[in-house]
Amino acid sequence: MSAPPILEMRSITKEFPGVKALSEVSLTVMPAEVHAICGENGAGKSTLMKVLSGVYPHGTYTGEIIFRGEEVQFRDIRASEQAGIAIIHQELALIPELSITENIFLGNEIARGGRIDWAAAKLRAIDLLARVGLDEDPDTQIKHLGVGKQQLVEIAKALAKDVKLLILDEPTAALNEDDSEHLLDLIRGLKGKGITAIIISHKLNEIEEIADEITIIRDGHTIETLDVKAGGVDEDRIIRGMVGRSLESRFPDRTPHIGEVFFEVKDWTIQHPQVPERLVAKGSSFTVRRGEIVGLAGLMGAGRTELAMSVFGRSYGNYISGTIVKDGKEIVLKDVESAINHGLAYVSEDRKQLGLNLLDTIKRSIVAAKLSKIAKRGVIDDSREFGIAEDYRKQLRIKTPSVETGVSKLSGGNQQKVVLAKWMFTDPDLLILDEPTRGIDVGAKYEIYTIIQSLAAQGKGVILISSELPELLGIADRIYTVFEGQITDNIPASEANPEALMRSMTSAKKKANA
């Protein structure tokens, strides 16, 4: 006789003003299994997990939650943690200035006689770090750890609370391949020790690899639950459930119309902002033609983002040498404003920290990069602002009841569309896109690829930075590879393949010809 479910969520309905985020959603999770939840951005996945973990307390939704055989009514996150449920959000909830030990036991301190026993806490932290495979001094401040190691600290923090059900929201979205594989191995190990996991992820290859069951949510409704162990479940099957149809191709068809070189960077050298002896860009040279999508490929830390940001108004590092030529004339981009005025735009890889002000509305966010276009004598024209935002909402299919909605209320994919709209509004000649589809589902990715291609079709140049080689191979016309701050190769898409790219991404032997 099989064990009863560890979790049942029955007919969960959650509404926000003007939006029904969840409608009669049901979910059953078996003990000591990995249960994945898949769906497009805005489908309701994160909302469902916030209901389960007490972020949205009992009384703000309808339906029942049965955990370990008993109905639970969590009033807050602390109540769900006391029951044995821990959630790790995509935006990690660690305090950078505190140590690993302090973060692990924050709000869950080990006390003796009314005082925190730091010696006992440190010993316990060492044990927890060993369980998650993290070899770090527990006194190390969080700000000195990479994102992958911070994820492991979050899991150690959950284990300190005797977790029975671990919820991970996009746990590998910001991780490189090695860190992702380490995290997946850890989840398998925890499963072997009786801990159940729920994972939300857009990386379908990882889901297919690690999940025992997959529940698909679409537009706030439960569509189906797939039994991976029974076989017959692959990425195409998951996509069909997510979008309601088969995607014949992951990338839109396109016939490029590439013109002359209009943007060129020559011998670009940039110094690290805190470590003067380290060069993050070393004599880098590259070109972009009108109507061309140029890829930048490199392993995490290779210097792709640093190169792009330094070109965009020297917004990273200390300029040492190099020139920029646009339309045959040398230009000097000393700050972001001058970069924008010369027709450059930059979509950051971190949309929440650098791309958007989460306190702003969609309307204000879209026009934020060039307010002068809608201002008369220093006063913003409200009707023009609204009209422009509405046009972009329709054009980019941003899912929202109103452009007056705060951007913080949008799903990741829709936030990314707002960032794209913001920079499209500046009418750039060159658009630099840094990981534009990170943390976005396959349906939204397809829409963003379509937007990128439409910009190229207008004669604009696009630089696409991506950690996903299939994405670069599927959309770029030409790909530069970067290794330790150097551009090592320049490969036409017709000649590119994953093996060739990886060779050039891991060696400085070759020198690219622009």
Protein backbone atom coordinates (compact mmCIF):
# COMPACT_ATOMS: atom_id res chain seq x y z
CA MET A 1 0.00 0.00 0.00
CA SER A 2 1.45 3.37 -1.08
CA ALA A 3 2.03 6.17 1.41
CA PRO A 4 -0.59 8.95 1.56
CA PRO A 5 0.23 12.32 -0.04
CA ILE A 6 2.34 14.74 2.00
CA LEU A 7 0.41 17.64 0.46
CA GLU A 8 -2.98 18.25 -1.12
CA MET A 9 -4.15 21.65 -2.28
CA ARG A 10 -7.82 21.52 -3.16
CA SER A 11 -9.69 24.03 -5.34
CA ILE A 12 -7.42 26.98 -4.50
CA THR A 13 -8.76 30.29 -5.83
CA LYS A 14 -6.89 33.56 -5.37
CA GLU A 15 -7.97 36.95 -6.71
CA PHE A 16 -6.30 40.34 -6.94
CA PRO A 17 -8.09 43.54 -7.97
CA GLY A 18 -9.15 42.98 -11.56
CA VAL A 19 -7.34 39.63 -11.88
CA LYS A 20 -8.18 36.04 -10.91
CA ALA A 21 -4.69 34.62 -10.48
CA LEU A 22 -5.80 31.10 -9.48
CA SER A 23 -9.09 29.39 -10.25
CA GLU A 24 -9.92 26.06 -8.59
CA VAL A 25 -6.29 24.88 -8.72
CA SER A 26 -5.57 21.48 -7.20
CA LEU A 27 -2.23 19.82 -6.50
CA THR A 28 -1.21 16.49 -4.95
CA VAL A 29 2.39 15.82 -3.90
CA MET A 30 3.69 12.45 -2.74
CA PRO A 31 6.31 12.16 0.05
CA ALA A 32 10.05 11.95 -0.74
CA GLU A 33 9.49 12.93 -4.36
CA VAL A 34 10.43 15.90 -6.54
CA HIS A 35 7.28 17.51 -7.89
CA ALA A 36 7.70 20.16 -10.59
CA ILE A 37 5.25 22.92 -11.42
CA CYS A 38 5.44 24.25 -14.97
CA GLY A 39 3.57 26.97 -16.80
CA GLU A 40 4.03 30.17 -18.73
CA ASN A 41 4.89 33.42 -16.97
CA GLY A 42 1.76 34.69 -15.26
CA ALA A 43 0.17 31.23 -15.15
CA GLY A 44 -0.05 31.34 -11.33
CA LYS A 45 2.81 29.08 -10.24
CA SER A 46 4.46 31.45 -7.78
CA THR A 47 1.09 32.65 -6.51
CA LEU A 48 0.14 29.05 -5.66
CA MET A 49 3.37 28.56 -3.73
CA LYS A 50 2.87 31.84 -1.87
CA VAL A 51 -0.54 30.57 -0.79
CA LEU A 52 1.03 27.32 0.41
CA SER A 53 3.84 29.03 2.33
CA GLY A 54 1.69 31.64 4.08
CA VAL A 55 2.91 34.66 2.10
CA TYR A 56 -0.77 34.98 1.19
CA PRO A 57 -2.38 33.99 4.51
CA HIS A 58 -5.48 31.93 5.09
CA GLY A 59 -8.55 34.07 4.47
CA THR A 60 -7.08 35.80 1.40
CA TYR A 61 -7.90 32.78 -0.79
CA THR A 62 -10.50 30.02 -0.93
CA GLY A 63 -9.88 26.28 -0.93
CA GLU A 64 -8.19 23.78 1.40
CA ILE A 65 -4.59 22.82 2.14
CA ILE A 66 -3.96 19.37 3.63
CA PHE A 67 -0.40 18.88 4.87
CA ARG A 68 0.75 15.59 6.39
CA GLY A 69 -2.85 14.45 6.77
CA GLU A 70 -4.22 17.56 8.49
CA GLU A 71 -5.88 20.72 7.19
CA VAL A 72 -3.63 23.75 7.75
CA GLN A 73 -4.48 27.43 7.79
CA PHE A 74 -1.24 29.39 7.77
CA ARG A 75 -1.46 32.99 8.94
CA ASP A 76 2.10 33.84 7.84
CA ILE A 77 5.42 32.36 6.68
CA ARG A 78 6.52 31.59 10.23
CA ALA A 79 3.48 29.35 10.70
CA SER A 80 4.27 27.36 7.53
CA GLU A 81 7.93 27.03 8.59
CA GLN A 82 6.89 25.71 11.98
CA ALA A 83 4.85 23.05 10.17
CA GLY A 84 7.93 22.02 8.14
CA ILE A 85 7.48 23.96 4.89
CA ALA A 86 10.25 26.24 3.61
CA ILE A 87 10.23 28.33 0.44
CA ILE A 88 13.31 29.65 -1.35
CA HIS A 89 12.34 32.48 -3.66
CA GLN A 90 14.07 33.36 -6.91
CA GLU A 91 15.24 36.59 -5.24
CA LEU A 92 17.25 35.21 -2.34
CA ALA A 93 16.34 36.48 1.14
CA LEU A 94 19.85 36.73 2.56
CA ILE A 95 21.46 39.76 4.17
CA PRO A 96 24.79 40.48 2.39
CA GLU A 97 26.55 42.11 5.37
CA LEU A 98 25.83 39.21 7.75
CA SER A 99 27.83 36.00 7.97
CA ILE A 100 26.69 32.59 6.76
CA THR A 101 25.98 31.55 10.36
CA GLU A 102 24.00 34.71 11.12
CA ASN A 103 21.90 34.25 7.97
CA ILE A 104 21.19 30.57 8.63
CA PHE A 105 19.85 31.22 12.12
CA LEU A 106 18.26 34.64 11.59
CA GLY A 107 14.87 34.42 13.31
CA ASN A 108 15.71 30.88 14.43
CA GLU A 109 18.53 31.60 16.86
CA ILE A 110 20.13 29.03 19.16
CA ALA A 111 19.83 30.58 22.63
CA ARG A 112 21.03 29.70 26.11
CA GLY A 113 19.71 31.64 29.10
CA GLY A 114 18.19 34.32 26.89
CA ARG A 115 21.43 34.91 24.92
CA ILE A 116 22.46 33.66 21.49
CA ASP A 117 24.97 30.81 21.75
CA TRP A 118 27.21 31.71 18.81
CA ALA A 119 29.62 28.84 19.44
CA ALA A 120 26.79 26.31 19.17
CA ALA A 121 25.38 28.13 16.15
CA LYS A 122 28.73 28.01 14.37
CA LEU A 123 29.13 24.28 15.01
CA ARG A 124 25.60 23.64 13.77
CA ALA A 125 26.29 25.82 10.70
CA ILE A 126 29.40 23.76 9.87
CA ASP A 127 27.27 20.61 9.98
CA LEU A 128 24.54 22.15 7.79
CA LEU A 129 27.07 23.43 5.24
CA ALA A 130 28.54 19.94 5.02
CA ARG A 131 25.04 18.56 4.31
CA VAL A 132 24.63 20.88 1.33
CA GLY A 133 28.19 20.38 0.10
CA LEU A 134 29.42 23.91 0.75
CA ASP A 135 33.01 24.18 1.95
CA GLU A 136 33.06 27.72 3.36
CA ASP A 137 34.01 29.31 6.65
CA PRO A 138 30.68 29.98 8.44
CA ASP A 139 31.99 33.43 9.41
CA THR A 140 32.19 34.46 5.73
CA GLN A 141 29.90 37.34 4.82
CA ILE A 142 27.21 36.47 2.28
CA LYS A 143 28.33 39.30 -0.04
CA HIS A 144 31.55 37.39 -0.69
CA LEU A 145 29.71 34.34 -2.06
CA GLY A 146 28.54 33.72 -5.63
CA VAL A 147 24.87 33.14 -6.39
CA GLY A 148 25.29 29.36 -6.52
CA LYS A 149 26.78 29.25 -3.03
CA GLN A 150 24.10 31.62 -1.74
CA GLN A 151 21.48 29.16 -2.97
CA LEU A 152 23.16 26.45 -0.88
CA VAL A 153 23.12 28.72 2.18
CA GLU A 154 19.36 29.20 1.67
CA ILE A 155 18.89 25.42 1.62
CA ALA A 156 21.07 25.05 4.74
CA LYS A 157 18.85 27.66 6.38
CA ALA A 158 15.78 25.58 5.50
CA LEU A 159 17.39 22.38 6.84
CA ALA A 160 18.05 24.19 10.13
CA LYS A 161 14.27 24.42 10.54
CA ASP A 162 13.70 20.67 10.14
CA VAL A 163 12.09 21.09 6.74
CA LYS A 164 9.76 18.38 5.43
CA LEU A 165 8.70 20.12 2.21
CA LEU A 166 11.16 22.37 0.36
CA ILE A 167 9.82 24.77 -2.29
CA LEU A 168 12.34 26.15 -4.78
CA ASP A 169 11.23 28.93 -7.15
CA GLU A 170 13.52 29.07 -10.23
CA PRO A 171 16.49 27.73 -8.23
CA THR A 172 18.89 27.51 -11.20
CA ALA A 173 17.79 30.59 -13.16
CA ALA A 174 20.92 32.59 -12.28
CA LEU A 175 23.35 29.66 -11.99
CA ASN A 176 25.97 28.42 -14.41
CA GLU A 177 25.93 24.82 -15.61
CA ASP A 178 28.23 23.42 -12.89
CA ASP A 179 26.36 25.16 -10.04
CA SER A 180 23.03 24.04 -11.50
CA GLU A 181 24.15 20.41 -11.64
CA HIS A 182 25.48 20.60 -8.05
CA LEU A 183 22.14 21.97 -6.85
CA LEU A 184 20.17 19.26 -8.67
CA ASP A 185 22.42 16.59 -7.15
CA LEU A 186 21.77 18.08 -3.72
CA ILE A 187 18.00 17.93 -4.27
CA ARG A 188 18.34 14.26 -5.26
CA GLY A 189 20.31 13.64 -2.07
CA LEU A 190 17.68 15.36 0.08
CA LYS A 191 14.99 13.28 -1.61
CA GLY A 192 16.95 10.15 -0.65
CA LYS A 193 16.78 11.34 2.98
CA GLY A 194 12.99 11.70 2.90
CA ILE A 195 12.66 15.42 2.10
CA THR A 196 10.01 16.32 -0.48
CA ALA A 197 10.70 19.12 -2.96
CA ILE A 198 8.49 21.27 -5.17
CA ILE A 199 10.39 23.00 -7.97
CA ILE A 200 9.21 25.80 -10.23
CA SER A 201 11.46 26.11 -13.25
CA HIS A 202 11.48 27.14 -16.90
CA LYS A 203 14.49 24.92 -17.63
CA LEU A 204 12.54 21.99 -19.03
CA ASN A 205 15.61 19.80 -19.56
CA GLU A 206 16.32 19.99 -15.82
CA ILE A 207 12.68 19.32 -14.96
CA GLU A 208 12.61 16.28 -17.21
CA GLU A 209 15.81 15.04 -15.55
CA ILE A 210 14.91 15.47 -11.88
CA ALA A 211 11.11 15.45 -11.44
CA ASP A 212 8.98 12.44 -10.48
CA GLU A 213 5.75 14.24 -11.38
CA ILE A 214 4.97 17.49 -13.20
CA THR A 215 1.85 19.58 -12.68
CA ILE A 216 1.11 22.05 -15.46
CA ILE A 217 -0.77 25.28 -14.75
CA ARG A 218 -2.13 27.51 -17.50
CA ASP A 219 -3.93 30.83 -17.02
CA GLY A 220 -4.59 30.10 -13.35
CA HIS A 221 -6.06 26.61 -13.94
CA THR A 222 -4.65 23.13 -13.33
CA ILE A 223 -4.25 21.49 -16.74
CA GLU A 224 -2.75 18.08 -15.91
CA THR A 225 -0.22 16.16 -13.84
CA LEU A 226 2.32 14.05 -15.74
CA ASP A 227 3.95 10.96 -14.27
CA VAL A 228 7.58 11.19 -15.42
CA LYS A 229 8.43 7.78 -13.98
CA ALA A 230 5.86 6.15 -16.27
CA GLY A 231 7.73 7.44 -19.34
CA GLY A 232 6.56 9.32 -22.41
CA VAL A 233 7.29 12.75 -20.91
CA ASP A 234 9.74 14.97 -22.80
CA GLU A 235 10.22 18.70 -23.35
CA ASP A 236 7.79 18.80 -26.28
CA ARG A 237 5.10 17.08 -24.19
CA ILE A 238 5.58 19.59 -21.35
CA ILE A 239 5.48 22.55 -23.76
CA ARG A 240 2.24 21.28 -25.32
CA GLY A 241 0.62 21.30 -21.89
CA MET A 242 2.02 24.74 -21.00
CA VAL A 243 0.99 26.63 -24.14
CA GLY A 244 -1.96 24.53 -25.25
CA ARG A 245 -0.36 23.63 -28.58
CA SER A 246 2.82 22.20 -30.04
CA LEU A 247 5.65 24.61 -30.78
CA GLU A 248 6.91 23.50 -34.18
CA SER A 249 10.05 25.54 -33.62
CA ARG A 250 11.58 27.18 -30.56
CA PHE A 251 12.67 30.10 -32.75
CA PRO A 252 10.66 32.17 -35.25
CA ASP A 253 11.55 31.83 -38.93
CA ARG A 254 13.59 34.75 -40.24
CA THR A 255 15.28 35.85 -43.42
CA PRO A 256 17.90 38.42 -42.34
CA HIS A 257 18.59 41.53 -44.39
CA ILE A 258 22.01 42.61 -43.18
CA GLY A 259 23.50 45.94 -44.23
CA GLU A 260 26.80 47.71 -43.74
CA VAL A 261 28.86 47.96 -40.56
CA PHE A 262 27.57 50.93 -38.58
CA PHE A 263 28.98 50.27 -35.10
CA GLU A 264 32.54 49.29 -34.26
CA VAL A 265 34.52 48.91 -31.04
CA LYS A 266 38.33 48.86 -31.45
CA ASP A 267 40.96 47.63 -28.95
CA TRP A 268 38.68 48.18 -25.95
CA THR A 269 40.45 47.75 -22.60
CA ILE A 270 38.72 48.18 -19.25
CA GLN A 271 40.00 47.84 -15.68
CA HIS A 272 38.07 46.17 -12.87
CA PRO A 273 36.50 48.89 -10.65
CA GLN A 274 37.90 47.46 -7.39
CA VAL A 275 40.91 45.45 -8.53
CA PRO A 276 43.15 47.75 -10.65
CA GLU A 277 45.52 45.00 -11.78
CA ARG A 278 42.64 43.00 -13.29
CA LEU A 279 41.47 43.78 -16.82
CA VAL A 280 37.86 42.77 -17.52
CA ALA A 281 38.18 43.64 -21.21
CA LYS A 282 41.51 43.17 -22.99
CA GLY A 283 41.91 44.81 -26.38
CA SER A 284 38.45 43.70 -27.48
CA SER A 285 37.26 44.57 -30.99
CA PHE A 286 33.91 43.80 -32.62
CA THR A 287 31.49 45.15 -35.22
CA VAL A 288 27.73 45.24 -35.72
CA ARG A 289 25.97 45.64 -39.05
CA ARG A 290 22.54 47.14 -39.62
CA GLY A 291 19.84 44.50 -39.38
CA GLU A 292 22.23 42.06 -37.70
CA ILE A 293 21.83 40.08 -34.48
CA VAL A 294 25.29 39.55 -32.98
CA GLY A 295 25.71 37.00 -30.19
CA LEU A 296 28.18 37.20 -27.29
CA ALA A 297 28.95 33.76 -25.87
CA GLY A 298 31.08 32.99 -22.83
CA LEU A 299 31.11 31.12 -19.57
CA MET A 300 30.00 32.84 -16.37
CA GLY A 301 32.66 35.41 -15.43
CA ALA A 302 34.17 35.57 -18.92
CA GLY A 303 33.53 39.30 -19.12
CA ARG A 304 30.58 39.54 -21.55
CA THR A 305 28.45 41.77 -19.32
CA GLU A 306 31.43 43.87 -18.25
CA LEU A 307 32.36 44.50 -21.90
CA ALA A 308 28.80 45.47 -22.84
CA MET A 309 28.26 47.73 -19.83
CA SER A 310 31.56 49.51 -20.32
CA VAL A 311 30.68 50.26 -23.94
CA PHE A 312 27.28 51.56 -22.81
CA GLY A 313 28.45 54.88 -21.39
CA ARG A 314 31.30 53.39 -19.33
CA SER A 315 28.75 52.15 -16.81
CA TYR A 316 31.17 49.47 -15.57
CA GLY A 317 34.87 49.55 -14.74
CA ASN A 318 37.60 52.09 -15.43
CA TYR A 319 38.27 53.02 -19.04
CA ILE A 320 41.88 52.45 -20.13
CA SER A 321 41.86 52.64 -23.92
CA GLY A 322 39.89 51.95 -27.09
CA THR A 323 37.61 53.74 -29.54
CA ILE A 324 33.99 53.50 -30.63
CA VAL A 325 32.97 54.34 -34.19
CA LYS A 326 29.34 54.81 -35.20
CA ASP A 327 28.26 55.57 -38.77
CA GLY A 328 31.87 56.24 -39.71
CA LYS A 329 32.56 58.78 -36.97
CA GLU A 330 34.39 58.27 -33.69
CA ILE A 331 32.15 58.94 -30.70
CA VAL A 332 32.94 59.27 -26.99
CA LEU A 333 30.38 57.78 -24.61
CA LYS A 334 31.41 59.06 -21.19
CA ASP A 335 28.13 58.32 -19.43
CA VAL A 336 24.77 56.59 -19.90
CA GLU A 337 23.05 59.78 -21.04
CA SER A 338 25.54 60.24 -23.88
CA ALA A 339 25.13 56.57 -24.85
CA ILE A 340 21.35 57.01 -25.08
CA ASN A 341 21.74 60.26 -27.04
CA HIS A 342 23.99 58.43 -29.53
CA GLY A 343 21.33 55.76 -30.11
CA LEU A 344 22.42 52.96 -27.76
CA ALA A 345 20.14 51.03 -25.41
CA TYR A 346 21.00 48.41 -22.80
CA VAL A 347 18.64 45.79 -21.33
CA SER A 348 20.30 44.57 -18.13
CA GLU A 349 20.43 40.91 -17.11
CA ASP A 350 19.03 41.91 -13.68
CA ARG A 351 15.69 43.47 -14.58
CA LYS A 352 14.55 43.90 -10.97
CA GLN A 353 17.68 45.61 -9.67
CA LEU A 354 18.90 47.52 -12.72
CA GLY A 355 16.15 47.43 -15.34
CA LEU A 356 13.09 48.59 -13.42
CA ASN A 357 12.00 50.70 -10.49
CA LEU A 358 9.57 48.27 -8.86
CA LEU A 359 7.74 51.17 -7.20
CA ASP A 360 6.77 52.61 -10.60
CA THR A 361 3.75 51.87 -12.77
CA ILE A 362 4.04 50.21 -16.17
CA LYS A 363 3.21 53.56 -17.75
CA ARG A 364 6.01 55.45 -16.03
CA SER A 365 8.52 52.62 -16.51
CA ILE A 366 8.06 52.56 -20.29
CA VAL A 367 8.86 56.26 -20.75
CA ALA A 368 11.50 56.50 -18.00
CA ALA A 369 14.62 56.32 -20.21
CA LYS A 370 13.68 59.34 -22.34
CA LEU A 371 11.16 61.61 -20.61
CA SER A 372 12.14 64.48 -22.90
CA LYS A 373 10.14 62.84 -25.70
CA ILE A 374 6.85 63.40 -23.84
CA ALA A 375 7.61 66.62 -21.98
CA LYS A 376 6.79 70.21 -22.89
CA ARG A 377 8.84 72.88 -21.12
CA GLY A 378 9.78 70.36 -18.46
CA VAL A 379 6.20 69.13 -17.82
CA ILE A 380 5.22 65.54 -18.73
CA ASP A 381 2.22 65.23 -21.06
CA ASP A 382 0.09 62.70 -19.14
CA SER A 383 -2.15 61.81 -22.09
CA ARG A 384 0.84 61.11 -24.36
CA GLU A 385 2.48 59.05 -21.62
CA PHE A 386 -0.66 56.93 -21.26
CA GLY A 387 -1.14 56.57 -25.02
CA ILE A 388 2.46 55.48 -25.63
CA ALA A 389 2.31 52.96 -22.79
CA GLU A 390 -0.98 51.56 -24.18
CA ASP A 391 0.57 51.20 -27.64
CA TYR A 392 3.49 49.19 -26.25
CA ARG A 393 1.15 47.11 -24.05
CA LYS A 394 -0.74 46.01 -27.17
CA GLN A 395 2.30 45.68 -29.42
CA LEU A 396 4.29 43.52 -26.97
CA ARG A 397 1.23 41.76 -25.53
CA ILE A 398 2.00 42.72 -21.94
CA LYS A 399 -0.51 40.90 -19.76
CA THR A 400 -1.98 43.50 -17.41
CA PRO A 401 -5.43 44.96 -16.71
CA SER A 402 -4.02 48.49 -16.95
CA VAL A 403 -0.79 50.39 -17.65
CA GLU A 404 -1.43 52.07 -14.30
CA THR A 405 -0.55 48.74 -12.62
CA GLY A 406 2.74 48.58 -10.72
CA VAL A 407 5.49 46.64 -12.51
CA SER A 408 6.07 44.65 -9.30
CA LYS A 409 2.68 42.97 -9.89
CA LEU A 410 3.75 41.51 -13.25
CA SER A 411 5.23 38.10 -13.96
CA GLY A 412 8.91 37.91 -14.95
CA GLY A 413 8.15 37.60 -18.65
CA ASN A 414 5.87 40.62 -18.63
CA GLN A 415 8.39 42.64 -16.62
CA GLN A 416 10.96 41.83 -19.30
CA LYS A 417 8.59 43.10 -21.98
CA VAL A 418 8.24 46.38 -20.04
CA VAL A 419 12.05 46.72 -19.98
CA LEU A 420 12.17 46.09 -23.74
CA ALA A 421 9.41 48.67 -24.28
CA LYS A 422 11.33 51.17 -22.15
CA TRP A 423 14.37 50.95 -24.43
CA MET A 424 12.41 50.64 -27.66
CA PHE A 425 10.81 53.98 -26.72
CA THR A 426 14.25 55.63 -26.96
CA ASP A 427 14.33 54.55 -30.65
CA PRO A 428 17.88 53.12 -30.48
CA ASP A 429 20.11 52.19 -33.41
CA LEU A 430 21.88 49.54 -31.31
CA LEU A 431 20.13 47.48 -28.66
CA ILE A 432 22.30 45.47 -26.23
CA LEU A 433 20.33 42.62 -24.64
CA ASP A 434 21.93 40.89 -21.64
CA GLU A 435 20.26 37.52 -20.88
CA PRO A 436 16.86 38.82 -22.12
CA THR A 437 15.06 35.49 -21.63
CA ARG A 438 16.47 34.45 -18.24
CA GLY A 439 13.73 33.03 -16.01
CA ILE A 440 11.12 33.18 -18.78
CA ASP A 441 8.97 30.34 -20.10
CA VAL A 442 9.19 28.99 -23.65
CA GLY A 443 6.06 30.80 -24.85
CA ALA A 444 7.29 34.20 -23.63
CA LYS A 445 10.76 33.44 -25.03
CA TYR A 446 9.26 32.95 -28.48
CA GLU A 447 7.50 36.32 -28.21
CA ILE A 448 10.73 38.05 -27.17
CA TYR A 449 12.63 36.41 -30.03
CA THR A 450 9.96 37.79 -32.38
CA ILE A 451 10.46 41.28 -30.91
CA ILE A 452 14.25 41.02 -31.33
CA GLN A 453 13.87 39.93 -34.94
CA SER A 454 11.43 42.74 -35.68
CA LEU A 455 13.96 45.27 -34.36
CA ALA A 456 16.64 43.82 -36.64
CA ALA A 457 14.18 43.92 -39.57
CA GLN A 458 13.86 47.67 -38.97
CA GLY A 459 17.59 48.01 -39.67
CA LYS A 460 18.67 48.23 -36.05
CA GLY A 461 21.67 46.33 -34.71
CA VAL A 462 21.27 43.90 -31.81
CA ILE A 463 23.92 42.49 -29.47
CA LEU A 464 22.58 39.41 -27.66
CA ILE A 465 24.39 38.11 -24.57
CA SER A 466 23.16 34.67 -23.54
CA SER A 467 24.36 31.72 -21.47
CA GLU A 468 22.12 29.39 -23.50
CA LEU A 469 24.03 28.19 -26.55
CA PRO A 470 20.87 26.89 -28.31
CA GLU A 471 19.42 30.40 -28.00
CA LEU A 472 22.47 32.00 -29.61
CA LEU A 473 22.56 29.37 -32.34
CA GLY A 474 18.84 29.79 -32.94
CA ILE A 475 18.67 33.58 -33.26
CA ALA A 476 22.11 35.15 -33.87
CA ASP A 477 23.58 35.85 -37.31
CA ARG A 478 27.13 35.91 -35.98
CA ILE A 479 28.62 34.93 -32.62
CA TYR A 480 31.66 36.33 -30.83
CA THR A 481 33.13 34.19 -28.04
CA VAL A 482 34.67 35.69 -24.91
CA PHE A 483 37.23 34.09 -22.59
CA GLU A 484 38.83 35.86 -19.60
CA GLY A 485 38.05 39.31 -20.97
CA GLN A 486 39.22 38.58 -24.50
CA ILE A 487 37.22 38.06 -27.68
CA THR A 488 38.58 34.78 -28.96
CA ASP A 489 36.52 34.02 -32.05
CA ASN A 490 33.99 35.41 -34.53
CA ILE A 491 31.82 32.65 -35.98
CA PRO A 492 29.06 33.02 -38.61
CA ALA A 493 25.84 31.27 -37.52
CA SER A 494 26.06 28.97 -40.54
CA GLU A 495 29.36 27.57 -39.23
CA ALA A 496 28.56 27.57 -35.50
CA ASN A 497 27.77 24.56 -33.34
CA PRO A 498 27.92 23.95 -29.57
CA GLU A 499 31.28 22.20 -29.75
CA ALA A 500 32.96 24.98 -31.74
CA LEU A 501 31.56 27.64 -29.44
CA MET A 502 32.64 25.79 -26.30
CA ARG A 503 36.20 25.40 -27.63
CA SER A 504 36.47 29.15 -28.20
CA MET A 505 34.76 29.94 -24.89
CA THR A 506 37.38 27.99 -22.95
CA SER A 507 40.58 29.03 -24.72
CA ALA A 508 42.35 32.28 -25.58
CA LYS A 509 44.39 30.70 -28.40
CA LYS A 510 42.33 32.13 -31.23
CA LYS A 511 41.97 35.82 -31.95
CA ALA A 512 38.78 37.00 -33.62
CA ASN A 513 38.66 39.01 -36.78
CA ALA A 514 35.93 41.64 -36.54
